[in-house]
Amino acid sequence: MKEFNAYLNFSGNCRQAMEFYAKCLDADVQIMPFSQGPMEVTPETKDMVLHSRLSKGDQVIMASDCPPGTPMTVGNNVSICINCESRDEVDKFFGSLGEKGNVILPVQDMFWGAYFGMLTDQFGINWMLNFETPKAS
């Protein structure tokens, strides 16, 4: 395992929160709106945050707005994201953490160039397993 970090979910105000955190922590922030993703967007959702990454040195917090139709409630607004070293490690952790849990998104290749899956474990904790596919040089 390379690292793990928190992933926060917001209800439409992710950009404001992450820009605030970046200012407070003197950190860098990258923001990708829904309009840059593969799904169709409406005028109301195009500027919502699909993914953001706040970083300072080796420390990272990631966040997004909940997709339309997915209500954000306390309890589902934080996930633990594990950045794995291989596809096999993603599969191993996904299988073991998912025992008696619920799959949110089956492990699959994603549009941002990662092998990724999401689940809620038997204790109600949300997990994201991610392996960044090496870029061809």
C-alpha atoms as a PDB file:
ATOM      1  CA  MET A   1       0.000   0.000   0.000  1.00  0.00           C
ATOM      2  CA  LYS A   2       1.309   3.424  -0.944  1.00  0.00           C
ATOM      3  CA  GLU A   3      -0.896   5.529   1.320  1.00  0.00           C
ATOM      4  CA  PHE A   4      -4.404   6.111   2.521  1.00  0.00           C
ATOM      5  CA  ASN A   5      -6.268   9.353   3.065  1.00  0.00           C
ATOM      6  CA  ALA A   6      -9.686  10.830   3.756  1.00  0.00           C
ATOM      7  CA  TYR A   7     -12.192  11.489   0.967  1.00  0.00           C
ATOM      8  CA  LEU A   8     -14.888  14.038   1.793  1.00  0.00           C
ATOM      9  CA  ASN A   9     -18.309  14.437   0.179  1.00  0.00           C
ATOM     10  CA  PHE A  10     -20.241  17.689   0.040  1.00  0.00           C
ATOM     11  CA  SER A  11     -23.716  18.712  -1.022  1.00  0.00           C
ATOM     12  CA  GLY A  12     -22.905  21.298  -3.703  1.00  0.00           C
ATOM     13  CA  ASN A  13     -20.321  23.358  -1.826  1.00  0.00           C
ATOM     14  CA  CYS A  14     -17.176  21.262  -2.319  1.00  0.00           C
ATOM     15  CA  ARG A  15     -15.377  23.968  -4.318  1.00  0.00           C
ATOM     16  CA  GLN A  16     -15.943  26.551  -1.583  1.00  0.00           C
ATOM     17  CA  ALA A  17     -14.834  24.146   1.149  1.00  0.00           C
ATOM     18  CA  MET A  18     -11.676  22.982  -0.645  1.00  0.00           C
ATOM     19  CA  GLU A  19     -10.663  26.539  -1.581  1.00  0.00           C
ATOM     20  CA  PHE A  20     -11.220  27.538   2.051  1.00  0.00           C
ATOM     21  CA  TYR A  21      -9.117  24.596   3.317  1.00  0.00           C
ATOM     22  CA  ALA A  22      -6.365  25.409   0.802  1.00  0.00           C
ATOM     23  CA  LYS A  23      -6.247  29.005   2.070  1.00  0.00           C
ATOM     24  CA  CYS A  24      -6.298  27.984   5.733  1.00  0.00           C
ATOM     25  CA  LEU A  25      -3.645  25.281   5.313  1.00  0.00           C
ATOM     26  CA  ASP A  26      -1.510  27.110   2.729  1.00  0.00           C
ATOM     27  CA  ALA A  27      -1.991  24.103   0.465  1.00  0.00           C
ATOM     28  CA  ASP A  28      -2.473  23.509  -3.257  1.00  0.00           C
ATOM     29  CA  VAL A  29      -5.875  22.531  -4.605  1.00  0.00           C
ATOM     30  CA  GLN A  30      -6.880  20.951  -7.923  1.00  0.00           C
ATOM     31  CA  ILE A  31     -10.556  20.901  -8.895  1.00  0.00           C
ATOM     32  CA  MET A  32     -12.282  18.976 -11.701  1.00  0.00           C
ATOM     33  CA  PRO A  33     -15.924  19.980 -12.307  1.00  0.00           C
ATOM     34  CA  PHE A  34     -18.586  17.526 -13.468  1.00  0.00           C
ATOM     35  CA  SER A  35     -18.407  19.223 -16.891  1.00  0.00           C
ATOM     36  CA  GLN A  36     -14.937  17.689 -17.419  1.00  0.00           C
ATOM     37  CA  GLY A  37     -16.143  14.139 -16.669  1.00  0.00           C
ATOM     38  CA  PRO A  38     -17.762  11.569 -18.935  1.00  0.00           C
ATOM     39  CA  MET A  39     -21.337  11.950 -17.691  1.00  0.00           C
ATOM     40  CA  GLU A  40     -23.968  14.267 -19.042  1.00  0.00           C
ATOM     41  CA  VAL A  41     -24.417  17.446 -17.038  1.00  0.00           C
ATOM     42  CA  THR A  42     -27.119  20.020 -16.639  1.00  0.00           C
ATOM     43  CA  PRO A  43     -26.642  23.762 -16.131  1.00  0.00           C
ATOM     44  CA  GLU A  44     -27.191  23.125 -12.405  1.00  0.00           C
ATOM     45  CA  THR A  45     -24.526  20.395 -12.157  1.00  0.00           C
ATOM     46  CA  LYS A  46     -21.835  21.461 -14.651  1.00  0.00           C
ATOM     47  CA  ASP A  47     -19.834  23.423 -12.051  1.00  0.00           C
ATOM     48  CA  MET A  48     -20.289  20.903  -9.232  1.00  0.00           C
ATOM     49  CA  VAL A  49     -17.051  19.173  -8.223  1.00  0.00           C
ATOM     50  CA  LEU A  50     -16.474  15.694  -9.634  1.00  0.00           C
ATOM     51  CA  HIS A  51     -13.088  15.392  -7.905  1.00  0.00           C
ATOM     52  CA  SER A  52     -10.725  17.654  -6.011  1.00  0.00           C
ATOM     53  CA  ARG A  53      -7.351  17.150  -4.389  1.00  0.00           C
ATOM     54  CA  LEU A  54      -5.860  19.293  -1.650  1.00  0.00           C
ATOM     55  CA  SER A  55      -2.153  18.695  -1.077  1.00  0.00           C
ATOM     56  CA  LYS A  56       0.665  19.986   1.030  1.00  0.00           C
ATOM     57  CA  GLY A  57       3.872  18.008   0.801  1.00  0.00           C
ATOM     58  CA  ASP A  58       2.942  14.335   1.013  1.00  0.00           C
ATOM     59  CA  GLN A  59      -0.378  15.029   2.766  1.00  0.00           C
ATOM     60  CA  VAL A  60      -3.585  14.769   0.732  1.00  0.00           C
ATOM     61  CA  ILE A  61      -7.321  15.266   1.275  1.00  0.00           C
ATOM     62  CA  MET A  62      -9.654  14.499  -1.622  1.00  0.00           C
ATOM     63  CA  ALA A  63     -13.276  15.538  -2.026  1.00  0.00           C
ATOM     64  CA  SER A  64     -16.267  15.824  -4.351  1.00  0.00           C
ATOM     65  CA  ASP A  65     -19.878  16.921  -4.447  1.00  0.00           C
ATOM     66  CA  CYS A  66     -22.404  14.099  -4.163  1.00  0.00           C
ATOM     67  CA  PRO A  67     -23.833  13.323  -7.599  1.00  0.00           C
ATOM     68  CA  PRO A  68     -27.358  14.581  -8.308  1.00  0.00           C
ATOM     69  CA  GLY A  69     -29.892  12.253  -6.727  1.00  0.00           C
ATOM     70  CA  THR A  70     -27.427  11.067  -4.069  1.00  0.00           C
ATOM     71  CA  PRO A  71     -28.235  12.796  -0.813  1.00  0.00           C
ATOM     72  CA  MET A  72     -25.321  13.662   1.452  1.00  0.00           C
ATOM     73  CA  THR A  73     -25.895  12.780   5.064  1.00  0.00           C
ATOM     74  CA  VAL A  74     -23.532  12.712   7.985  1.00  0.00           C
ATOM     75  CA  GLY A  75     -22.048   9.239   7.831  1.00  0.00           C
ATOM     76  CA  ASN A  76     -21.714   8.958   4.060  1.00  0.00           C
ATOM     77  CA  ASN A  77     -19.694  12.131   3.638  1.00  0.00           C
ATOM     78  CA  VAL A  78     -16.311  10.592   4.518  1.00  0.00           C
ATOM     79  CA  SER A  79     -14.504   7.624   2.958  1.00  0.00           C
ATOM     80  CA  ILE A  80     -11.067   6.179   3.463  1.00  0.00           C
ATOM     81  CA  CYS A  81      -9.222   6.041   0.150  1.00  0.00           C
ATOM     82  CA  ILE A  82      -6.339   3.581  -0.190  1.00  0.00           C
ATOM     83  CA  ASN A  83      -3.912   4.220  -3.035  1.00  0.00           C
ATOM     84  CA  CYS A  84      -2.640   0.750  -3.825  1.00  0.00           C
ATOM     85  CA  GLU A  85       0.555  -0.427  -5.483  1.00  0.00           C
ATOM     86  CA  SER A  86      -1.091  -2.886  -7.908  1.00  0.00           C
ATOM     87  CA  ARG A  87      -4.360  -4.122  -9.364  1.00  0.00           C
ATOM     88  CA  ASP A  88      -3.913  -7.303  -7.311  1.00  0.00           C
ATOM     89  CA  GLU A  89      -3.685  -5.260  -4.118  1.00  0.00           C
ATOM     90  CA  VAL A  90      -6.912  -3.429  -5.020  1.00  0.00           C
ATOM     91  CA  ASP A  91      -8.649  -6.775  -5.584  1.00  0.00           C
ATOM     92  CA  LYS A  92      -7.269  -8.219  -2.324  1.00  0.00           C
ATOM     93  CA  PHE A  93      -8.321  -5.259  -0.165  1.00  0.00           C
ATOM     94  CA  PHE A  94     -11.674  -4.939  -1.945  1.00  0.00           C
ATOM     95  CA  GLY A  95     -12.430  -8.606  -1.279  1.00  0.00           C
ATOM     96  CA  SER A  96     -11.377  -8.572   2.360  1.00  0.00           C
ATOM     97  CA  LEU A  97     -12.903  -5.193   3.332  1.00  0.00           C
ATOM     98  CA  GLY A  98     -16.084  -6.065   1.440  1.00  0.00           C
ATOM     99  CA  GLU A  99     -16.738  -9.256   3.436  1.00  0.00           C
ATOM    100  CA  LYS A 100     -20.312  -8.903   4.728  1.00  0.00           C
ATOM    101  CA  GLY A 101     -20.337  -5.356   3.314  1.00  0.00           C
ATOM    102  CA  ASN A 102     -21.992  -3.669   0.329  1.00  0.00           C
ATOM    103  CA  VAL A 103     -20.400  -2.888  -3.016  1.00  0.00           C
ATOM    104  CA  ILE A 104     -21.023   0.700  -4.079  1.00  0.00           C
ATOM    105  CA  LEU A 105     -18.986   0.561  -7.307  1.00  0.00           C
ATOM    106  CA  PRO A 106     -17.396  -2.700  -8.490  1.00  0.00           C
ATOM    107  CA  VAL A 107     -13.675  -2.527  -9.197  1.00  0.00           C
ATOM    108  CA  GLN A 108     -13.091  -1.398 -12.784  1.00  0.00           C
ATOM    109  CA  ASP A 109     -10.897   0.708 -15.048  1.00  0.00           C
ATOM    110  CA  MET A 110     -11.962   4.333 -14.754  1.00  0.00           C
ATOM    111  CA  PHE A 111     -11.859   7.288 -17.142  1.00  0.00           C
ATOM    112  CA  TRP A 112      -9.170   9.089 -15.118  1.00  0.00           C
ATOM    113  CA  GLY A 113      -6.688   6.257 -15.678  1.00  0.00           C
ATOM    114  CA  ALA A 114      -7.094   4.236 -12.494  1.00  0.00           C
ATOM    115  CA  TYR A 115      -8.342   0.814 -11.436  1.00  0.00           C
ATOM    116  CA  PHE A 116     -10.920   1.740  -8.792  1.00  0.00           C
ATOM    117  CA  GLY A 117     -13.764   0.418  -6.641  1.00  0.00           C
ATOM    118  CA  MET A 118     -15.916   1.576  -3.719  1.00  0.00           C
ATOM    119  CA  LEU A 119     -17.622  -0.309  -0.902  1.00  0.00           C
ATOM    120  CA  THR A 120     -19.148   0.068   2.534  1.00  0.00           C
ATOM    121  CA  ASP A 121     -17.812  -2.433   5.042  1.00  0.00           C
ATOM    122  CA  GLN A 122     -19.859  -4.404   7.555  1.00  0.00           C
ATOM    123  CA  PHE A 123     -19.339  -1.626  10.118  1.00  0.00           C
ATOM    124  CA  GLY A 124     -20.700   1.146   7.857  1.00  0.00           C
ATOM    125  CA  ILE A 125     -17.314   2.620   6.897  1.00  0.00           C
ATOM    126  CA  ASN A 126     -16.901   3.701   3.246  1.00  0.00           C
ATOM    127  CA  TRP A 127     -13.741   2.612   1.417  1.00  0.00           C
ATOM    128  CA  MET A 128     -12.269   3.582  -1.962  1.00  0.00           C
ATOM    129  CA  LEU A 129      -9.542   1.394  -3.464  1.00  0.00           C
ATOM    130  CA  ASN A 130      -7.454   3.020  -6.171  1.00  0.00           C
ATOM    131  CA  PHE A 131      -4.484   2.013  -8.335  1.00  0.00           C
ATOM    132  CA  GLU A 132      -3.180   4.686 -10.703  1.00  0.00           C
ATOM    133  CA  THR A 133      -2.450   2.912 -13.970  1.00  0.00           C
ATOM    134  CA  PRO A 134       1.133   3.683 -15.016  1.00  0.00           C
ATOM    135  CA  LYS A 135       1.247   6.209 -17.865  1.00  0.00           C
ATOM    136  CA  ALA A 136       2.988   5.176 -21.071  1.00  0.00           C
ATOM    137  CA  SER A 137       6.060   7.290 -21.705  1.00  0.00           C
END
